[in-house]
Amino acid sequence: MRQQPIKYQDGPIGEIALVPDFLPAPENLAFKEKTVKVTLSLSKSTLDFFKGKAAHHQAKYQRMIRILLDKYAAHYAELGH
């Protein structure tokens, strides 16, 4: 379904609100944690899942798996497990 083009008009635009800056600083985006190479055996269905999601989001499936494992480990480390 095609959307109608937005029609802009001259004149007042109404009340404006400042939005606080919530984005991280560029130096925080460049942070790279040291990684260690490992060999990991995954089920075919799991690998297919991550490859499909990665392709859909134009990402690397290995990075998606690494981020998932990092978050899992951080969550349980916080709980003291």
Protein backbone atom coordinates (compact mmCIF):
# COMPACT_ATOMS: atom_id res chain seq x y z
CA MET A 1 0.00 0.00 0.00
CA ARG A 2 1.38 3.38 -0.99
CA GLN A 3 1.39 6.19 1.52
CA GLN A 4 0.22 9.64 0.56
CA PRO A 5 3.05 12.19 0.31
CA ILE A 6 3.39 14.60 3.22
CA LYS A 7 2.19 18.10 2.37
CA TYR A 8 4.17 20.84 4.08
CA GLN A 9 2.77 24.30 4.63
CA ASP A 10 4.25 27.66 5.52
CA GLY A 11 3.19 29.04 8.85
CA PRO A 12 3.41 28.30 12.56
CA ILE A 13 4.25 24.73 13.48
CA GLY A 14 2.94 24.78 17.02
CA GLU A 15 4.60 24.24 20.37
CA ILE A 16 8.14 22.87 20.29
CA ALA A 17 9.66 20.74 23.07
CA LEU A 18 13.35 20.08 23.56
CA VAL A 19 14.19 16.39 23.79
CA PRO A 20 17.08 15.42 26.06
CA ASP A 21 20.05 13.82 24.31
CA PHE A 22 19.84 10.10 25.07
CA LEU A 23 22.36 8.79 22.56
CA PRO A 24 25.74 7.49 23.74
CA ALA A 25 28.85 9.50 22.98
CA PRO A 26 30.79 8.36 19.89
CA GLU A 27 33.67 7.06 22.03
CA ASN A 28 31.20 4.77 23.81
CA LEU A 29 30.07 3.35 20.48
CA ALA A 30 33.62 2.47 19.44
CA PHE A 31 34.23 0.32 22.53
CA LYS A 32 35.41 -3.13 21.57
CA GLU A 33 35.72 -5.81 24.18
CA LYS A 34 38.49 -8.33 23.77
CA THR A 35 37.21 -11.54 22.22
CA VAL A 36 38.47 -15.10 22.28
CA LYS A 37 37.98 -17.49 19.37
CA VAL A 38 36.21 -20.75 20.22
CA THR A 39 34.75 -23.65 18.29
CA LEU A 40 31.09 -24.20 19.06
CA SER A 41 28.75 -26.86 17.73
CA LEU A 42 25.19 -25.65 17.20
CA SER A 43 22.13 -27.48 15.97
CA LYS A 44 21.32 -26.82 12.33
CA SER A 45 17.97 -25.28 13.26
CA THR A 46 19.66 -22.83 15.66
CA LEU A 47 22.25 -21.82 13.09
CA ASP A 48 19.56 -21.44 10.41
CA PHE A 49 17.55 -19.25 12.81
CA PHE A 50 20.46 -16.90 13.49
CA LYS A 51 21.54 -16.77 9.85
CA GLY A 52 17.97 -15.93 8.79
CA LYS A 53 17.58 -13.19 11.41
CA ALA A 54 21.01 -11.80 10.59
CA ALA A 55 20.22 -11.67 6.88
CA HIS A 56 16.91 -9.95 7.59
CA HIS A 57 18.63 -7.28 9.71
CA GLN A 58 21.75 -7.07 7.52
CA ALA A 59 23.93 -8.17 10.45
CA LYS A 60 26.48 -10.89 11.11
CA TYR A 61 25.07 -14.00 12.72
CA GLN A 62 28.23 -14.65 14.76
CA ARG A 63 27.92 -11.19 16.31
CA MET A 64 24.25 -11.80 17.15
CA ILE A 65 25.15 -15.06 18.92
CA ARG A 66 28.02 -13.37 20.78
CA ILE A 67 25.78 -10.51 21.96
CA LEU A 68 23.12 -12.99 23.10
CA LEU A 69 25.68 -14.99 25.10
CA ASP A 70 27.22 -11.80 26.54
CA LYS A 71 23.80 -10.60 27.76
CA TYR A 72 22.95 -14.03 29.16
CA ALA A 73 26.25 -14.19 31.06
CA ALA A 74 25.93 -10.60 32.34
CA HIS A 75 22.37 -11.24 33.54
CA TYR A 76 23.33 -14.29 35.58
CA ALA A 77 26.57 -12.70 36.80
CA GLU A 78 24.45 -9.85 38.24
CA LEU A 79 22.33 -12.39 40.09
CA GLY A 80 25.46 -13.92 41.57
CA HIS A 81 25.17 -17.26 39.79
